[in-house]
Amino acid sequence: ALLPALTLLCGGPSFLPIRVFNVLLPFILCGILALILTPVVDALQRLRPFHAHRARAVLLLSVVGIAIVAGAVALVLPTLIAQGRDLPALAKTIEEQLRAHGFAFSFSSLVKAVNGQQLGLALGVAAAFVSGAVSVVLTLVISVYLLIEGRAVMATSLNRCLDRRVEFDFLALAVG
């Protein structure tokens, strides 16, 4: 009787798997990212300035990746700002088109109707933005750690699982 009550109280039977998936997803993405970028870091490490300095190679790769993302944002941002400025004119055009087809619709009346819920909506948007930013930073930090210390983590894991070597090798092969 207690388990069904807790299940209903927490939002249904899918609550726990969704929460676990949301926690594990950044770690899975970090592992995949580290797996893909490890050969690039190895190649950088063969170059003279990065020889025997894996952290420097990872740092350079991270800076280049951040620069690429920042460049993409810088290319897209002016277009988004221009389109945002055109939204009032677009809303007016949509209202006129709807009136011409016999629909009485007004964005201003819609805003007045939703006005009491704007604080909750704004807080929800802010929370989603902060959550996304934390996930991005967490993914970056864990990926850098795995790129620098990933092989040592695997060696330590192997030493702890010596009695189950076959299962460990299979898991390491399956995971990458």
Protein backbone atom coordinates (compact mmCIF):
# COMPACT_ATOMS: atom_id res chain seq x y z
CA ALA A 1 0.00 0.00 0.00
CA LEU A 2 2.91 2.32 0.69
CA LEU A 3 4.66 1.81 -2.65
CA PRO A 4 1.60 2.65 -4.81
CA ALA A 5 0.93 5.74 -2.67
CA LEU A 6 4.52 6.95 -3.08
CA THR A 7 4.36 6.25 -6.79
CA LEU A 8 1.24 8.38 -7.19
CA LEU A 9 2.63 11.08 -4.92
CA CYS A 10 5.88 11.36 -6.90
CA GLY A 11 4.19 11.74 -10.27
CA GLY A 12 3.51 8.27 -11.52
CA PRO A 13 5.47 5.10 -12.26
CA SER A 14 7.80 6.84 -14.73
CA PHE A 15 9.11 9.35 -12.16
CA LEU A 16 12.13 7.36 -10.93
CA PRO A 17 13.40 6.13 -14.33
CA ILE A 18 13.11 9.65 -15.77
CA ARG A 19 15.04 11.16 -12.84
CA VAL A 20 17.75 8.49 -13.05
CA PHE A 21 18.03 9.04 -16.81
CA ASN A 22 18.30 12.82 -16.32
CA VAL A 23 21.16 12.33 -13.85
CA LEU A 24 23.01 9.72 -15.93
CA LEU A 25 22.65 11.46 -19.30
CA PRO A 26 25.43 14.05 -18.78
CA PHE A 27 27.82 11.30 -17.65
CA ILE A 28 26.96 9.17 -20.68
CA LEU A 29 27.49 12.15 -23.00
CA CYS A 30 30.82 12.89 -21.30
CA GLY A 31 31.98 9.34 -21.78
CA ILE A 32 31.03 9.39 -25.45
CA LEU A 33 32.69 12.77 -25.95
CA ALA A 34 35.88 11.61 -24.23
CA LEU A 35 35.86 8.40 -26.28
CA ILE A 36 35.56 10.36 -29.54
CA LEU A 37 38.15 13.01 -28.62
CA THR A 38 40.80 10.72 -27.09
CA PRO A 39 42.46 10.00 -30.50
CA VAL A 40 42.57 13.76 -31.19
CA VAL A 41 44.25 14.39 -27.83
CA ASP A 42 46.68 11.52 -28.52
CA ALA A 43 47.57 13.09 -31.89
CA LEU A 44 48.05 16.51 -30.27
CA GLN A 45 50.24 14.92 -27.64
CA ARG A 46 52.62 13.70 -30.35
CA LEU A 47 53.34 17.31 -31.32
CA ARG A 48 56.37 18.93 -29.74
CA PRO A 49 54.70 21.58 -27.50
CA PHE A 50 52.32 19.01 -26.00
CA HIS A 51 54.68 16.05 -25.65
CA ALA A 52 54.21 14.57 -22.16
CA HIS A 53 51.62 17.28 -21.35
CA ARG A 54 48.23 15.70 -21.88
CA ALA A 55 46.48 18.40 -19.85
CA ARG A 56 47.78 21.10 -22.22
CA ALA A 57 46.49 19.17 -25.23
CA VAL A 58 43.08 18.75 -23.60
CA LEU A 59 43.02 22.44 -22.67
CA LEU A 60 43.81 23.47 -26.26
CA LEU A 61 41.14 21.14 -27.61
CA SER A 62 38.60 22.52 -25.09
CA VAL A 63 39.44 26.13 -25.97
CA VAL A 64 39.10 25.39 -29.69
CA GLY A 65 35.75 23.65 -29.08
CA ILE A 66 34.45 26.56 -27.01
CA ALA A 67 35.64 29.00 -29.68
CA ILE A 68 33.76 27.05 -32.36
CA VAL A 69 30.56 27.07 -30.31
CA ALA A 70 30.97 30.78 -29.49
CA GLY A 71 31.53 31.53 -33.18
CA ALA A 72 28.37 29.66 -34.13
CA VAL A 73 26.41 31.58 -31.49
CA ALA A 74 27.90 34.86 -32.75
CA LEU A 75 26.76 34.01 -36.28
CA VAL A 76 23.20 33.09 -35.25
CA LEU A 77 22.59 35.71 -32.54
CA PRO A 78 22.18 38.78 -34.79
CA THR A 79 19.53 36.98 -36.85
CA LEU A 80 17.65 35.94 -33.72
CA ILE A 81 17.74 39.50 -32.37
CA ALA A 82 16.48 40.91 -35.67
CA GLN A 83 13.65 38.39 -35.78
CA GLY A 84 12.78 39.18 -32.15
CA ARG A 85 12.46 42.86 -33.01
CA ASP A 86 10.09 41.98 -35.86
CA LEU A 87 7.74 39.96 -33.60
CA PRO A 88 5.31 42.84 -32.80
CA ALA A 89 4.84 43.60 -36.51
CA LEU A 90 4.42 39.89 -37.23
CA ALA A 91 1.82 39.58 -34.44
CA LYS A 92 -0.12 42.51 -35.90
CA THR A 93 0.00 40.92 -39.37
CA ILE A 94 -1.23 37.60 -37.97
CA GLU A 95 -4.10 39.36 -36.15
CA GLU A 96 -5.10 41.15 -39.37
CA GLN A 97 -5.01 37.93 -41.38
CA LEU A 98 -7.12 36.14 -38.80
CA ARG A 99 -9.67 38.99 -38.74
CA ALA A 100 -9.82 38.92 -42.54
CA HIS A 101 -10.77 35.23 -42.34
CA GLY A 102 -13.42 35.82 -39.68
CA PHE A 103 -11.53 34.95 -36.49
CA ALA A 104 -11.60 37.48 -33.66
CA PHE A 105 -8.18 37.12 -32.04
CA SER A 106 -5.96 39.58 -30.23
CA PHE A 107 -2.50 38.95 -28.79
CA SER A 108 -2.96 41.79 -26.30
CA SER A 109 -6.07 40.11 -24.81
CA LEU A 110 -4.14 36.84 -24.65
CA VAL A 111 -1.33 38.57 -22.71
CA LYS A 112 -3.88 40.09 -20.30
CA ALA A 113 -5.45 36.68 -19.72
CA VAL A 114 -2.08 35.07 -18.97
CA ASN A 115 -0.72 38.02 -16.95
CA GLY A 116 -1.15 36.34 -13.56
CA GLN A 117 0.81 33.29 -14.69
CA GLN A 118 3.76 35.23 -16.09
CA LEU A 119 5.83 35.02 -12.90
CA GLY A 120 5.56 31.22 -12.83
CA LEU A 121 6.37 31.05 -16.53
CA ALA A 122 9.37 33.35 -16.11
CA LEU A 123 10.66 31.29 -13.17
CA GLY A 124 10.21 28.10 -15.18
CA VAL A 125 12.18 29.54 -18.09
CA ALA A 126 14.92 30.78 -15.73
CA ALA A 127 15.11 27.37 -14.02
CA ALA A 128 15.36 25.59 -17.37
CA PHE A 129 18.13 27.97 -18.48
CA VAL A 130 20.11 27.46 -15.26
CA SER A 131 19.63 23.70 -15.49
CA GLY A 132 20.87 23.68 -19.08
CA ALA A 133 23.86 25.86 -18.20
CA VAL A 134 24.79 23.58 -15.29
CA SER A 135 24.52 20.53 -17.55
CA VAL A 136 26.80 22.12 -20.15
CA VAL A 137 29.42 23.09 -17.55
CA LEU A 138 29.20 19.66 -15.91
CA THR A 139 29.61 17.95 -19.27
CA LEU A 140 32.63 20.09 -20.10
CA VAL A 141 34.32 19.48 -16.73
CA ILE A 142 33.71 15.72 -16.71
CA SER A 143 34.82 15.40 -20.35
CA VAL A 144 38.07 17.23 -19.62
CA TYR A 145 38.66 14.99 -16.60
CA LEU A 146 38.00 11.83 -18.61
CA LEU A 147 40.26 13.00 -21.42
CA ILE A 148 43.09 13.62 -18.98
CA GLU A 149 42.62 10.76 -16.51
CA GLY A 150 40.38 8.32 -18.41
CA ARG A 151 43.04 5.66 -18.87
CA ALA A 152 43.99 5.80 -15.19
CA VAL A 153 40.32 5.43 -14.22
CA MET A 154 40.05 2.36 -16.45
CA ALA A 155 43.26 0.87 -14.99
CA THR A 156 42.03 1.43 -11.42
CA SER A 157 38.68 -0.12 -12.31
CA LEU A 158 40.45 -3.11 -13.82
CA ASN A 159 42.56 -3.60 -10.68
CA ARG A 160 39.42 -3.60 -8.54
CA CYS A 161 37.71 -6.15 -10.81
CA LEU A 162 40.53 -8.67 -11.28
CA ASP A 163 38.34 -11.57 -10.17
CA ARG A 164 35.77 -10.63 -12.84
CA ARG A 165 38.18 -9.87 -15.68
CA VAL A 166 36.03 -11.37 -18.45
CA GLU A 167 32.98 -9.31 -17.48
CA PHE A 168 35.12 -6.16 -17.13
CA ASP A 169 36.67 -6.65 -20.57
CA PHE A 170 33.23 -7.18 -22.09
CA LEU A 171 31.87 -4.06 -20.38
CA ALA A 172 34.90 -1.98 -21.39
CA LEU A 173 34.52 -3.17 -24.98
CA ALA A 174 30.77 -2.50 -24.99
CA VAL A 175 31.17 0.97 -23.45
CA GLY A 176 34.17 1.87 -25.55
